Amino acid sequence: MTNQIADNIDTVKAQIKACAKQAGRDENNIELLAVSKTKPVSDIVLAYEAGHRNFGENYVQEGVDKITELKHLPDIIWHFIGPLQSNKTRLVAENFDWMHSVDRYKIAKRLNDQRPAFAAPLNICVQINIDEEETKTGILPQNLMPMLAQLTSLSKLRVRGLMAIPKSTKVPSEQIASLRKMQTLFEAAKQSYPEFDTLSIGMSNDLASAITCGSTMVRVGTAIFGARD
């Protein structure tokens, strides 16, 4: 029996390689994050057996249940990529390796305070509402530098960079317009925080545009695991 998920990962990686070549970039500087939300543990195991290690979850309890069930695979890197309520921060702080969607200092402070002493610092990205959409979470671009200044005091967090979910459009020129704003913001922030290495932008429908605009981590679900139920 063929491993369809393994084949899908190979297909997405080939797409990343082609997009990187077209953009004049090194494909090795672009991480594939397999978004496994709503998918069973058995699918994650198939991806793991294909050599994949980075998995993204949107729902706290679902993610924690999967992390617990797969404790015997210690080299999986778990990313939380969804919105987070204050009453769920402890579960993320205690179980995940990355948190992509920090949009309030209050959330960051709770994650820091609840991160176990024995654990490595929690990798975080600050979520930007790059198109200033009222329905989206994330901080406005002009609030980024003040936010980063606040985060420097939190020793159990490691601020890796920025994340965004731009407005939904299938028009490449419109995708590029939003994603270029993220790239500019990221490069400006790196002037003050040279350790920044992560620009988490790009999903299945805007993968090529995101890679053109400097993405270092693309978040792909359906193209790997199939349509969600």
N, C-alpha and C. Protein backbone atom coordinates (compact mmCIF):
# COMPACT_ATOMS: atom_id res chain seq x y z
N MET A 1 0.85 -1.21 0.00
CA MET A 1 0.00 0.00 0.00
C MET A 1 0.88 1.25 0.00
N THR A 2 0.64 2.13 -0.92
CA THR A 2 1.45 3.35 -0.98
C THR A 2 1.01 4.33 0.11
N ASN A 3 1.95 5.13 0.53
CA ASN A 3 1.68 6.16 1.54
C ASN A 3 1.33 7.45 0.78
N GLN A 4 0.03 7.70 0.61
CA GLN A 4 -0.42 8.86 -0.16
C GLN A 4 0.06 10.15 0.48
N ILE A 5 0.08 10.19 1.81
CA ILE A 5 0.53 11.41 2.51
C ILE A 5 2.00 11.68 2.21
N ALA A 6 2.81 10.61 2.17
CA ALA A 6 4.22 10.78 1.80
C ALA A 6 4.35 11.34 0.39
N ASP A 7 3.53 10.81 -0.52
CA ASP A 7 3.55 11.31 -1.91
C ASP A 7 3.14 12.78 -1.95
N ASN A 8 2.14 13.14 -1.16
CA ASN A 8 1.68 14.53 -1.12
C ASN A 8 2.76 15.46 -0.60
N ILE A 9 3.47 15.02 0.43
CA ILE A 9 4.57 15.84 0.98
C ILE A 9 5.64 16.05 -0.08
N ASP A 10 5.97 14.99 -0.81
CA ASP A 10 6.96 15.12 -1.89
C ASP A 10 6.49 16.12 -2.94
N THR A 11 5.20 16.09 -3.25
CA THR A 11 4.65 17.00 -4.26
C THR A 11 4.75 18.45 -3.79
N VAL A 12 4.40 18.69 -2.52
CA VAL A 12 4.46 20.05 -1.98
C VAL A 12 5.91 20.53 -1.92
N LYS A 13 6.81 19.65 -1.52
CA LYS A 13 8.23 20.03 -1.46
C LYS A 13 8.78 20.35 -2.86
N ALA A 14 8.30 19.62 -3.85
CA ALA A 14 8.72 19.92 -5.23
C ALA A 14 8.19 21.28 -5.66
N GLN A 15 6.97 21.59 -5.22
CA GLN A 15 6.40 22.90 -5.52
C GLN A 15 7.21 24.01 -4.85
N ILE A 16 7.57 23.78 -3.59
CA ILE A 16 8.40 24.76 -2.87
C ILE A 16 9.74 24.96 -3.59
N LYS A 17 10.34 23.85 -4.01
CA LYS A 17 11.63 23.93 -4.71
C LYS A 17 11.52 24.74 -5.99
N ALA A 18 10.44 24.49 -6.75
CA ALA A 18 10.24 25.21 -8.01
C ALA A 18 10.00 26.70 -7.76
N CYS A 19 9.19 27.00 -6.75
CA CYS A 19 8.91 28.41 -6.42
C CYS A 19 10.17 29.12 -5.94
N ALA A 20 10.97 28.42 -5.14
CA ALA A 20 12.22 29.01 -4.63
C ALA A 20 13.18 29.31 -5.79
N LYS A 21 13.28 28.36 -6.71
CA LYS A 21 14.16 28.56 -7.87
C LYS A 21 13.72 29.77 -8.68
N GLN A 22 12.42 29.88 -8.88
CA GLN A 22 11.89 31.00 -9.65
C GLN A 22 12.14 32.33 -8.95
N ALA A 23 12.13 32.30 -7.61
CA ALA A 23 12.35 33.52 -6.83
C ALA A 23 13.83 33.78 -6.55
N GLY A 24 14.69 32.90 -7.03
CA GLY A 24 16.12 33.06 -6.78
C GLY A 24 16.51 32.81 -5.34
N ARG A 25 15.79 31.89 -4.68
CA ARG A 25 16.04 31.59 -3.28
C ARG A 25 16.48 30.14 -3.10
N ASP A 26 17.09 29.89 -1.93
CA ASP A 26 17.51 28.54 -1.56
C ASP A 26 16.32 27.82 -0.91
N GLU A 27 15.91 26.73 -1.50
CA GLU A 27 14.75 25.98 -0.97
C GLU A 27 14.97 25.53 0.48
N ASN A 28 16.24 25.35 0.88
CA ASN A 28 16.54 24.88 2.23
C ASN A 28 16.25 25.93 3.30
N ASN A 29 15.98 27.16 2.86
CA ASN A 29 15.64 28.22 3.81
C ASN A 29 14.12 28.36 3.99
N ILE A 30 13.37 27.39 3.46
CA ILE A 30 11.91 27.43 3.56
C ILE A 30 11.43 26.14 4.22
N GLU A 31 10.87 26.25 5.41
CA GLU A 31 10.38 25.09 6.17
C GLU A 31 8.93 24.82 5.81
N LEU A 32 8.60 23.55 5.65
CA LEU A 32 7.21 23.14 5.42
C LEU A 32 6.58 22.74 6.75
N LEU A 33 5.53 23.45 7.12
CA LEU A 33 4.77 23.12 8.32
C LEU A 33 3.49 22.40 7.88
N ALA A 34 3.37 21.13 8.26
CA ALA A 34 2.20 20.34 7.90
C ALA A 34 1.08 20.62 8.90
N VAL A 35 0.01 21.23 8.42
CA VAL A 35 -1.11 21.60 9.30
C VAL A 35 -2.04 20.40 9.45
N SER A 36 -2.00 19.81 10.63
CA SER A 36 -2.67 18.54 10.87
C SER A 36 -3.97 18.67 11.66
N LYS A 37 -4.48 19.90 11.80
CA LYS A 37 -5.72 20.10 12.55
C LYS A 37 -6.86 19.28 11.96
N THR A 38 -7.66 18.72 12.82
CA THR A 38 -8.84 17.88 12.52
C THR A 38 -8.48 16.53 11.91
N LYS A 39 -7.19 16.27 11.67
CA LYS A 39 -6.79 15.01 11.06
C LYS A 39 -6.38 14.01 12.15
N PRO A 40 -6.59 12.72 11.92
CA PRO A 40 -6.29 11.72 12.96
C PRO A 40 -4.80 11.53 13.18
N VAL A 41 -4.47 10.99 14.34
CA VAL A 41 -3.08 10.71 14.68
C VAL A 41 -2.44 9.79 13.65
N SER A 42 -3.23 8.88 13.11
CA SER A 42 -2.68 7.94 12.12
C SER A 42 -2.11 8.66 10.90
N ASP A 43 -2.73 9.78 10.52
CA ASP A 43 -2.21 10.57 9.39
C ASP A 43 -0.87 11.23 9.75
N ILE A 44 -0.79 11.71 10.97
CA ILE A 44 0.47 12.32 11.42
C ILE A 44 1.58 11.27 11.42
N VAL A 45 1.26 10.07 11.86
CA VAL A 45 2.25 8.99 11.87
C VAL A 45 2.74 8.68 10.46
N LEU A 46 1.83 8.68 9.48
CA LEU A 46 2.25 8.45 8.09
C LEU A 46 3.20 9.54 7.61
N ALA A 47 2.90 10.78 7.97
CA ALA A 47 3.79 11.88 7.60
C ALA A 47 5.13 11.75 8.31
N TYR A 48 5.08 11.35 9.57
CA TYR A 48 6.31 11.15 10.35
C TYR A 48 7.18 10.05 9.72
N GLU A 49 6.53 8.96 9.32
CA GLU A 49 7.27 7.86 8.70
C GLU A 49 7.88 8.27 7.37
N ALA A 50 7.30 9.31 6.76
CA ALA A 50 7.87 9.85 5.52
C ALA A 50 9.00 10.84 5.78
N GLY A 51 9.32 11.04 7.06
CA GLY A 51 10.43 11.90 7.42
C GLY A 51 10.06 13.30 7.85
N HIS A 52 8.75 13.59 7.92
CA HIS A 52 8.33 14.94 8.29
C HIS A 52 8.30 15.09 9.81
N ARG A 53 8.65 16.30 10.29
CA ARG A 53 8.75 16.49 11.73
C ARG A 53 7.98 17.71 12.26
N ASN A 54 7.65 18.68 11.43
CA ASN A 54 6.98 19.90 11.89
C ASN A 54 5.49 19.84 11.61
N PHE A 55 4.69 19.91 12.69
CA PHE A 55 3.24 19.80 12.57
C PHE A 55 2.55 20.97 13.26
N GLY A 56 1.49 21.49 12.62
CA GLY A 56 0.77 22.64 13.14
C GLY A 56 -0.65 22.29 13.54
N GLU A 57 -1.06 22.76 14.72
CA GLU A 57 -2.40 22.52 15.24
C GLU A 57 -3.07 23.86 15.56
N ASN A 58 -4.39 23.94 15.29
CA ASN A 58 -5.16 25.16 15.52
C ASN A 58 -5.98 25.15 16.80
N TYR A 59 -6.27 23.94 17.29
CA TYR A 59 -7.17 23.81 18.44
C TYR A 59 -6.40 23.21 19.60
N VAL A 60 -6.43 23.90 20.74
CA VAL A 60 -5.54 23.56 21.85
C VAL A 60 -5.75 22.13 22.33
N GLN A 61 -6.97 21.77 22.70
CA GLN A 61 -7.17 20.46 23.30
C GLN A 61 -6.89 19.34 22.31
N GLU A 62 -7.31 19.53 21.06
CA GLU A 62 -7.01 18.52 20.04
C GLU A 62 -5.51 18.33 19.89
N GLY A 63 -4.78 19.46 19.88
CA GLY A 63 -3.34 19.39 19.76
C GLY A 63 -2.70 18.68 20.93
N VAL A 64 -3.13 19.00 22.14
CA VAL A 64 -2.57 18.38 23.34
C VAL A 64 -2.84 16.88 23.34
N ASP A 65 -4.03 16.49 22.92
CA ASP A 65 -4.36 15.05 22.86
C ASP A 65 -3.41 14.33 21.91
N LYS A 66 -3.12 14.94 20.77
CA LYS A 66 -2.22 14.32 19.79
C LYS A 66 -0.78 14.27 20.33
N ILE A 67 -0.35 15.36 20.95
CA ILE A 67 0.99 15.40 21.53
C ILE A 67 1.15 14.30 22.56
N THR A 68 0.14 14.13 23.40
CA THR A 68 0.18 13.10 24.44
C THR A 68 0.25 11.71 23.83
N GLU A 69 -0.55 11.48 22.80
CA GLU A 69 -0.60 10.16 22.17
C GLU A 69 0.70 9.83 21.44
N LEU A 70 1.41 10.88 20.98
CA LEU A 70 2.63 10.65 20.20
C LEU A 70 3.90 10.97 20.99
N LYS A 71 3.80 10.90 22.31
CA LYS A 71 4.96 11.18 23.17
C LYS A 71 6.14 10.27 22.84
N HIS A 72 5.87 9.11 22.26
CA HIS A 72 6.95 8.16 21.95
C HIS A 72 7.74 8.59 20.71
N LEU A 73 7.31 9.68 20.07
CA LEU A 73 8.04 10.24 18.93
C LEU A 73 8.59 11.61 19.35
N PRO A 74 9.66 11.63 20.15
CA PRO A 74 10.08 12.87 20.81
C PRO A 74 10.65 13.94 19.89
N ASP A 75 10.98 13.57 18.64
CA ASP A 75 11.58 14.57 17.76
C ASP A 75 10.55 15.32 16.90
N ILE A 76 9.24 15.06 17.14
CA ILE A 76 8.23 15.89 16.48
C ILE A 76 8.30 17.30 17.07
N ILE A 77 8.17 18.29 16.20
CA ILE A 77 8.14 19.69 16.62
C ILE A 77 6.70 20.18 16.45
N TRP A 78 6.08 20.58 17.55
CA TRP A 78 4.67 20.96 17.55
C TRP A 78 4.50 22.47 17.53
N HIS A 79 3.73 22.96 16.58
CA HIS A 79 3.48 24.39 16.41
C HIS A 79 2.01 24.67 16.68
N PHE A 80 1.72 25.64 17.55
CA PHE A 80 0.34 26.09 17.70
C PHE A 80 0.15 27.31 16.82
N ILE A 81 -0.87 27.26 15.93
CA ILE A 81 -1.00 28.32 14.93
C ILE A 81 -2.36 29.00 14.96
N GLY A 82 -3.19 28.66 15.93
CA GLY A 82 -4.52 29.24 15.98
C GLY A 82 -4.63 30.36 17.00
N PRO A 83 -5.80 31.00 17.08
CA PRO A 83 -6.03 32.01 18.12
C PRO A 83 -6.03 31.35 19.49
N LEU A 84 -5.57 32.08 20.48
CA LEU A 84 -5.42 31.50 21.82
C LEU A 84 -6.09 32.38 22.87
N GLN A 85 -6.97 31.76 23.66
CA GLN A 85 -7.62 32.46 24.77
C GLN A 85 -6.75 32.35 26.02
N SER A 86 -6.89 33.33 26.91
CA SER A 86 -6.07 33.37 28.11
C SER A 86 -6.18 32.10 28.94
N ASN A 87 -7.36 31.51 29.00
CA ASN A 87 -7.55 30.33 29.85
C ASN A 87 -6.95 29.06 29.27
N LYS A 88 -6.37 29.15 28.07
CA LYS A 88 -5.75 27.97 27.44
C LYS A 88 -4.22 28.12 27.32
N THR A 89 -3.67 29.21 27.82
CA THR A 89 -2.23 29.45 27.62
C THR A 89 -1.38 28.37 28.29
N ARG A 90 -1.79 27.88 29.46
CA ARG A 90 -0.96 26.89 30.17
C ARG A 90 -0.77 25.63 29.32
N LEU A 91 -1.83 25.20 28.64
CA LEU A 91 -1.73 23.99 27.82
C LEU A 91 -0.73 24.18 26.68
N VAL A 92 -0.73 25.36 26.09
CA VAL A 92 0.25 25.64 25.03
C VAL A 92 1.66 25.75 25.60
N ALA A 93 1.79 26.46 26.71
CA ALA A 93 3.10 26.65 27.34
C ALA A 93 3.73 25.32 27.75
N GLU A 94 2.91 24.39 28.18
CA GLU A 94 3.43 23.13 28.71
C GLU A 94 3.64 22.06 27.63
N ASN A 95 3.04 22.23 26.46
CA ASN A 95 3.06 21.13 25.48
C ASN A 95 3.68 21.44 24.13
N PHE A 96 3.59 22.67 23.69
CA PHE A 96 4.04 22.99 22.33
C PHE A 96 5.48 23.52 22.31
N ASP A 97 6.09 23.46 21.12
CA ASP A 97 7.44 23.99 20.91
C ASP A 97 7.41 25.39 20.32
N TRP A 98 6.35 25.68 19.57
CA TRP A 98 6.19 26.98 18.89
C TRP A 98 4.78 27.50 19.13
N MET A 99 4.68 28.83 19.16
CA MET A 99 3.39 29.52 19.18
C MET A 99 3.47 30.64 18.14
N HIS A 100 2.68 30.50 17.07
CA HIS A 100 2.79 31.42 15.94
C HIS A 100 1.90 32.65 16.04
N SER A 101 0.94 32.64 16.94
CA SER A 101 -0.13 33.64 16.85
C SER A 101 -0.21 34.54 18.09
N VAL A 102 0.94 34.97 18.60
CA VAL A 102 0.96 35.89 19.73
C VAL A 102 0.52 37.28 19.24
N ASP A 103 -0.56 37.79 19.81
CA ASP A 103 -1.06 39.09 19.37
C ASP A 103 -1.35 40.05 20.53
N ARG A 104 -1.01 39.62 21.76
CA ARG A 104 -1.18 40.47 22.93
C ARG A 104 -0.07 40.20 23.92
N TYR A 105 0.41 41.25 24.58
CA TYR A 105 1.45 41.06 25.59
C TYR A 105 0.92 40.18 26.73
N LYS A 106 -0.35 40.32 27.07
CA LYS A 106 -0.94 39.52 28.14
C LYS A 106 -0.78 38.02 27.86
N ILE A 107 -1.04 37.62 26.63
CA ILE A 107 -0.89 36.22 26.26
C ILE A 107 0.57 35.80 26.36
N ALA A 108 1.47 36.63 25.85
CA ALA A 108 2.90 36.32 25.90
C ALA A 108 3.38 36.17 27.34
N LYS A 109 2.95 37.07 28.21
CA LYS A 109 3.36 37.02 29.62
C LYS A 109 2.88 35.73 30.28
N ARG A 110 1.65 35.34 30.00
CA ARG A 110 1.13 34.10 30.57
C ARG A 110 1.91 32.88 30.04
N LEU A 111 2.19 32.86 28.75
CA LEU A 111 2.98 31.77 28.18
C LEU A 111 4.35 31.69 28.84
N ASN A 112 4.97 32.84 29.04
CA ASN A 112 6.28 32.90 29.68
C ASN A 112 6.21 32.37 31.11
N ASP A 113 5.24 32.85 31.86
CA ASP A 113 5.14 32.47 33.28
C ASP A 113 4.76 31.00 33.45
N GLN A 114 4.06 30.44 32.47
CA GLN A 114 3.59 29.06 32.59
C GLN A 114 4.49 28.05 31.88
N ARG A 115 5.54 28.52 31.23
CA ARG A 115 6.48 27.62 30.57
C ARG A 115 7.27 26.87 31.64
N PRO A 116 7.30 25.53 31.60
CA PRO A 116 8.02 24.78 32.64
C PRO A 116 9.50 25.12 32.68
N ALA A 117 10.05 25.10 33.89
CA ALA A 117 11.45 25.47 34.09
C ALA A 117 12.39 24.55 33.32
N PHE A 118 12.01 23.27 33.17
CA PHE A 118 12.89 22.30 32.51
C PHE A 118 12.84 22.40 30.99
N ALA A 119 11.85 23.12 30.46
CA ALA A 119 11.65 23.16 29.01
C ALA A 119 12.51 24.24 28.37
N ALA A 120 12.85 24.02 27.12
CA ALA A 120 13.53 25.07 26.35
C ALA A 120 12.57 26.25 26.18
N PRO A 121 13.10 27.45 25.94
CA PRO A 121 12.20 28.58 25.70
C PRO A 121 11.20 28.27 24.59
N LEU A 122 9.99 28.79 24.74
CA LEU A 122 8.95 28.62 23.73
C LEU A 122 9.23 29.55 22.56
N ASN A 123 9.35 29.00 21.37
CA ASN A 123 9.54 29.81 20.17
C ASN A 123 8.23 30.50 19.83
N ILE A 124 8.27 31.81 19.60
CA ILE A 124 7.03 32.51 19.27
C ILE A 124 7.22 33.41 18.04
N CYS A 125 6.11 33.61 17.35
CA CYS A 125 6.03 34.62 16.30
C CYS A 125 4.92 35.60 16.69
N VAL A 126 5.13 36.85 16.39
CA VAL A 126 4.11 37.86 16.62
C VAL A 126 3.20 37.90 15.40
N GLN A 127 1.90 37.77 15.62
CA GLN A 127 0.96 37.78 14.51
C GLN A 127 0.60 39.21 14.13
N ILE A 128 0.71 39.50 12.85
CA ILE A 128 0.43 40.83 12.31
C ILE A 128 -0.88 40.80 11.52
N ASN A 129 -1.74 41.75 11.77
CA ASN A 129 -2.95 41.93 10.94
C ASN A 129 -2.55 42.86 9.80
N ILE A 130 -1.92 42.26 8.80
CA ILE A 130 -1.21 43.05 7.78
C ILE A 130 -2.16 43.86 6.90
N ASP A 131 -3.38 43.37 6.71
CA ASP A 131 -4.34 44.10 5.89
C ASP A 131 -5.37 44.85 6.72
N GLU A 132 -5.12 44.89 8.03
CA GLU A 132 -5.96 45.65 8.97
C GLU A 132 -7.44 45.29 8.81
N GLU A 133 -7.70 43.99 8.76
CA GLU A 133 -9.07 43.49 8.63
C GLU A 133 -9.72 43.40 10.01
N GLU A 134 -10.93 43.89 10.12
CA GLU A 134 -11.61 43.89 11.41
C GLU A 134 -11.90 42.48 11.91
N THR A 135 -12.02 41.53 11.01
CA THR A 135 -12.36 40.17 11.40
C THR A 135 -11.14 39.33 11.77
N LYS A 136 -9.95 39.89 11.61
CA LYS A 136 -8.72 39.12 11.85
C LYS A 136 -8.07 39.53 13.17
N THR A 137 -7.44 38.53 13.81
CA THR A 137 -6.62 38.82 14.98
C THR A 137 -5.23 39.25 14.50
N GLY A 138 -4.40 39.66 15.44
CA GLY A 138 -3.07 40.15 15.10
C GLY A 138 -2.94 41.63 15.41
N ILE A 139 -1.72 42.07 15.67
CA ILE A 139 -1.51 43.48 15.96
C ILE A 139 -1.34 44.26 14.66
N LEU A 140 -1.60 45.56 14.71
CA LEU A 140 -1.39 46.40 13.54
C LEU A 140 0.11 46.63 13.35
N PRO A 141 0.54 46.78 12.11
CA PRO A 141 1.98 46.92 11.84
C PRO A 141 2.67 48.00 12.67
N GLN A 142 1.98 49.13 12.89
CA GLN A 142 2.61 50.23 13.62
C GLN A 142 2.83 49.92 15.10
N ASN A 143 2.20 48.84 15.57
CA ASN A 143 2.35 48.47 16.99
C ASN A 143 3.42 47.40 17.21
N LEU A 144 4.09 46.98 16.14
CA LEU A 144 5.04 45.88 16.27
C LEU A 144 6.24 46.23 17.15
N MET A 145 6.92 47.32 16.88
CA MET A 145 8.14 47.61 17.61
C MET A 145 7.88 47.82 19.11
N PRO A 146 6.82 48.54 19.50
CA PRO A 146 6.51 48.62 20.94
C PRO A 146 6.25 47.25 21.56
N MET A 147 5.58 46.38 20.82
CA MET A 147 5.31 45.03 21.32
C MET A 147 6.61 44.26 21.51
N LEU A 148 7.50 44.33 20.53
CA LEU A 148 8.77 43.61 20.64
C LEU A 148 9.59 44.10 21.83
N ALA A 149 9.54 45.39 22.08
CA ALA A 149 10.26 45.94 23.23
C ALA A 149 9.74 45.34 24.55
N GLN A 150 8.43 45.15 24.62
CA GLN A 150 7.85 44.52 25.81
C GLN A 150 8.28 43.06 25.95
N LEU A 151 8.37 42.36 24.84
CA LEU A 151 8.65 40.93 24.88
C LEU A 151 10.07 40.60 25.29
N THR A 152 10.98 41.55 25.18
CA THR A 152 12.38 41.28 25.48
C THR A 152 12.60 40.88 26.94
N SER A 153 11.68 41.22 27.81
CA SER A 153 11.84 40.90 29.24
C SER A 153 11.41 39.48 29.58
N LEU A 154 10.84 38.76 28.64
CA LEU A 154 10.26 37.44 28.91
C LEU A 154 11.28 36.35 28.55
N SER A 155 12.00 35.86 29.55
CA SER A 155 13.16 35.00 29.33
C SER A 155 12.81 33.58 28.89
N LYS A 156 11.57 33.15 29.10
CA LYS A 156 11.20 31.79 28.71
C LYS A 156 10.56 31.74 27.32
N LEU A 157 10.59 32.88 26.63
CA LEU A 157 10.13 32.95 25.24
C LEU A 157 11.32 33.30 24.35
N ARG A 158 11.32 32.76 23.15
CA ARG A 158 12.31 33.14 22.15
C ARG A 158 11.55 33.67 20.94
N VAL A 159 11.63 34.98 20.75
CA VAL A 159 10.89 35.60 19.65
C VAL A 159 11.64 35.32 18.34
N ARG A 160 11.02 34.55 17.46
CA ARG A 160 11.68 34.11 16.24
C ARG A 160 11.34 34.96 15.03
N GLY A 161 10.18 35.67 15.07
CA GLY A 161 9.83 36.46 13.91
C GLY A 161 8.35 36.80 13.86
N LEU A 162 7.79 36.81 12.65
CA LEU A 162 6.44 37.29 12.44
C LEU A 162 5.60 36.26 11.69
N MET A 163 4.29 36.37 11.90
CA MET A 163 3.33 35.51 11.22
C MET A 163 2.16 36.35 10.76
N ALA A 164 1.53 35.95 9.65
CA ALA A 164 0.33 36.66 9.19
C ALA A 164 -0.55 35.74 8.37
N ILE A 165 -1.83 36.07 8.35
CA ILE A 165 -2.80 35.45 7.44
C ILE A 165 -3.39 36.60 6.62
N PRO A 166 -2.82 36.90 5.46
CA PRO A 166 -3.31 38.03 4.66
C PRO A 166 -4.75 37.80 4.19
N LYS A 167 -5.34 38.87 3.67
CA LYS A 167 -6.72 38.75 3.16
C LYS A 167 -6.77 37.70 2.07
N SER A 168 -7.89 37.00 2.01
CA SER A 168 -8.04 35.89 1.08
C SER A 168 -8.29 36.39 -0.34
N THR A 169 -7.43 36.00 -1.24
CA THR A 169 -7.59 36.32 -2.66
C THR A 169 -6.78 35.32 -3.47
N LYS A 170 -7.27 35.00 -4.66
CA LYS A 170 -6.55 34.10 -5.55
C LYS A 170 -5.78 34.87 -6.62
N VAL A 171 -5.84 36.20 -6.55
CA VAL A 171 -5.16 37.04 -7.55
C VAL A 171 -3.71 37.25 -7.10
N PRO A 172 -2.74 36.70 -7.82
CA PRO A 172 -1.34 36.78 -7.38
C PRO A 172 -0.86 38.20 -7.08
N SER A 173 -1.25 39.17 -7.89
CA SER A 173 -0.78 40.55 -7.66
C SER A 173 -1.30 41.09 -6.33
N GLU A 174 -2.53 40.71 -5.96
CA GLU A 174 -3.09 41.15 -4.68
C GLU A 174 -2.42 40.41 -3.52
N GLN A 175 -2.10 39.13 -3.72
CA GLN A 175 -1.36 38.38 -2.70
C GLN A 175 0.01 39.02 -2.45
N ILE A 176 0.69 39.33 -3.54
CA ILE A 176 2.02 39.92 -3.45
C ILE A 176 1.97 41.26 -2.70
N ALA A 177 0.94 42.05 -2.95
CA ALA A 177 0.83 43.37 -2.31
C ALA A 177 0.79 43.23 -0.79
N SER A 178 0.01 42.27 -0.29
CA SER A 178 -0.07 42.05 1.16
C SER A 178 1.23 41.45 1.70
N LEU A 179 1.74 40.46 0.99
CA LEU A 179 2.90 39.73 1.49
C LEU A 179 4.17 40.58 1.43
N ARG A 180 4.26 41.49 0.47
CA ARG A 180 5.41 42.40 0.42
C ARG A 180 5.42 43.30 1.66
N LYS A 181 4.23 43.70 2.11
CA LYS A 181 4.17 44.51 3.33
C LYS A 181 4.73 43.74 4.52
N MET A 182 4.43 42.43 4.58
CA MET A 182 4.99 41.60 5.64
C MET A 182 6.50 41.47 5.52
N GLN A 183 6.97 41.28 4.30
CA GLN A 183 8.41 41.16 4.09
C GLN A 183 9.14 42.43 4.53
N THR A 184 8.57 43.57 4.17
CA THR A 184 9.17 44.86 4.55
C THR A 184 9.20 45.02 6.06
N LEU A 185 8.11 44.66 6.71
CA LEU A 185 8.02 44.77 8.17
C LEU A 185 9.04 43.84 8.84
N PHE A 186 9.15 42.63 8.32
CA PHE A 186 10.09 41.65 8.86
C PHE A 186 11.53 42.14 8.72
N GLU A 187 11.88 42.64 7.55
CA GLU A 187 13.25 43.11 7.33
C GLU A 187 13.56 44.33 8.20
N ALA A 188 12.57 45.19 8.40
CA ALA A 188 12.77 46.35 9.27
C ALA A 188 12.99 45.91 10.72
N ALA A 189 12.20 44.94 11.17
CA ALA A 189 12.35 44.45 12.55
C ALA A 189 13.69 43.78 12.76
N LYS A 190 14.20 43.11 11.72
CA LYS A 190 15.49 42.43 11.83
C LYS A 190 16.64 43.40 12.06
N GLN A 191 16.45 44.65 11.67
CA GLN A 191 17.50 45.64 11.92
C GLN A 191 17.74 45.81 13.41
N SER A 192 16.68 45.72 14.20
CA SER A 192 16.79 45.83 15.66
C SER A 192 16.92 44.48 16.34
N TYR A 193 16.41 43.43 15.69
CA TYR A 193 16.43 42.09 16.27
C TYR A 193 17.04 41.12 15.26
N PRO A 194 18.37 41.15 15.11
CA PRO A 194 19.03 40.36 14.06
C PRO A 194 18.86 38.86 14.23
N GLU A 195 18.43 38.42 15.43
CA GLU A 195 18.21 36.98 15.63
C GLU A 195 16.93 36.48 14.97
N PHE A 196 16.09 37.40 14.51
CA PHE A 196 14.87 37.00 13.80
C PHE A 196 15.22 36.11 12.60
N ASP A 197 14.55 34.97 12.50
CA ASP A 197 14.83 34.08 11.37
C ASP A 197 13.57 33.48 10.75
N THR A 198 12.39 33.89 11.23
CA THR A 198 11.17 33.22 10.78
C THR A 198 10.12 34.21 10.29
N LEU A 199 9.73 34.04 9.04
CA LEU A 199 8.61 34.78 8.47
C LEU A 199 7.58 33.73 8.07
N SER A 200 6.58 33.54 8.92
CA SER A 200 5.59 32.48 8.76
C SER A 200 4.41 33.02 7.96
N ILE A 201 4.55 32.93 6.64
CA ILE A 201 3.48 33.35 5.73
C ILE A 201 3.39 32.33 4.61
N GLY A 202 2.20 32.21 4.05
CA GLY A 202 2.02 31.32 2.91
C GLY A 202 1.28 30.05 3.27
N MET A 203 0.19 29.80 2.55
CA MET A 203 -0.58 28.57 2.68
C MET A 203 -0.78 28.00 1.28
N SER A 204 -1.64 27.01 1.16
CA SER A 204 -1.76 26.33 -0.14
C SER A 204 -2.07 27.29 -1.28
N ASN A 205 -2.96 28.28 -1.04
CA ASN A 205 -3.45 29.11 -2.15
C ASN A 205 -2.53 30.28 -2.49
N ASP A 206 -1.54 30.57 -1.63
CA ASP A 206 -0.64 31.69 -1.94
C ASP A 206 0.83 31.30 -1.73
N LEU A 207 1.11 30.02 -1.89
CA LEU A 207 2.45 29.50 -1.64
C LEU A 207 3.51 30.20 -2.48
N ALA A 208 3.28 30.28 -3.78
CA ALA A 208 4.28 30.87 -4.68
C ALA A 208 4.52 32.34 -4.34
N SER A 209 3.42 33.06 -4.08
CA SER A 209 3.56 34.49 -3.74
C SER A 209 4.34 34.66 -2.44
N ALA A 210 4.07 33.81 -1.46
CA ALA A 210 4.75 33.91 -0.16
C ALA A 210 6.24 33.65 -0.29
N ILE A 211 6.59 32.66 -1.08
CA ILE A 211 8.01 32.35 -1.27
C ILE A 211 8.70 33.49 -2.01
N THR A 212 8.02 34.08 -2.97
CA THR A 212 8.55 35.26 -3.66
C THR A 212 8.83 36.38 -2.67
N CYS A 213 7.99 36.47 -1.64
CA CYS A 213 8.09 37.57 -0.66
C CYS A 213 8.86 37.18 0.60
N GLY A 214 9.69 36.15 0.50
CA GLY A 214 10.63 35.87 1.58
C GLY A 214 10.17 34.94 2.68
N SER A 215 9.06 34.25 2.50
CA SER A 215 8.61 33.32 3.55
C SER A 215 9.70 32.32 3.90
N THR A 216 9.84 32.05 5.20
CA THR A 216 10.75 31.00 5.65
C THR A 216 9.99 29.80 6.19
N MET A 217 8.66 29.92 6.31
CA MET A 217 7.84 28.80 6.77
C MET A 217 6.46 28.90 6.15
N VAL A 218 6.09 27.87 5.40
CA VAL A 218 4.77 27.83 4.76
C VAL A 218 3.91 26.79 5.48
N ARG A 219 2.63 27.11 5.64
CA ARG A 219 1.71 26.29 6.44
C ARG A 219 0.72 25.60 5.48
N VAL A 220 0.88 24.31 5.29
CA VAL A 220 0.09 23.59 4.28
C VAL A 220 -0.64 22.43 4.93
N GLY A 221 -1.96 22.36 4.73
CA GLY A 221 -2.76 21.30 5.30
C GLY A 221 -3.39 20.40 4.27
N THR A 222 -4.37 20.95 3.54
CA THR A 222 -5.18 20.14 2.62
C THR A 222 -4.33 19.44 1.57
N ALA A 223 -3.33 20.10 1.02
CA ALA A 223 -2.51 19.50 -0.03
C ALA A 223 -1.70 18.30 0.48
N ILE A 224 -1.54 18.21 1.81
CA ILE A 224 -0.82 17.07 2.40
C ILE A 224 -1.81 16.00 2.88
N PHE A 225 -2.79 16.42 3.66
CA PHE A 225 -3.67 15.47 4.34
C PHE A 225 -5.01 15.27 3.67
N GLY A 226 -5.30 16.04 2.62
CA GLY A 226 -6.60 15.95 1.96
C GLY A 226 -7.60 16.89 2.59
N ALA A 227 -8.77 16.99 1.98
CA ALA A 227 -9.81 17.91 2.45
C ALA A 227 -10.27 17.54 3.85
N ARG A 228 -10.60 18.57 4.63
CA ARG A 228 -11.09 18.31 5.98
C ARG A 228 -12.55 17.92 5.95
N ASP A 229 -12.93 17.10 6.90
CA ASP A 229 -14.33 16.65 6.98
C ASP A 229 -15.25 17.81 7.33
